[in-house]
Amino acid sequence: MYVLKSLTDVRELTEIWIREYNEERAHDALNDLTQWGCLAKHQGLENSNYECR
């Protein structure tokens, strides 16, 4: 449980959660790949150090 002291705290935590949810977790719709893993696979870069941020 989080104790948030200000609206800024809420916004910062929400931004972190959204980024992790959208970019860092595996998605069922992408065959359990992250968005960047799916992009790399479709570009033939699955064994590279390719990272998008």
Foldseek 3Di string as FASTA:
>chain_A
DDDDDDPVSVVVVVVVVVCCVQAPFFDVVQVRDGPVCSVCVVVVNNPDPDDDD
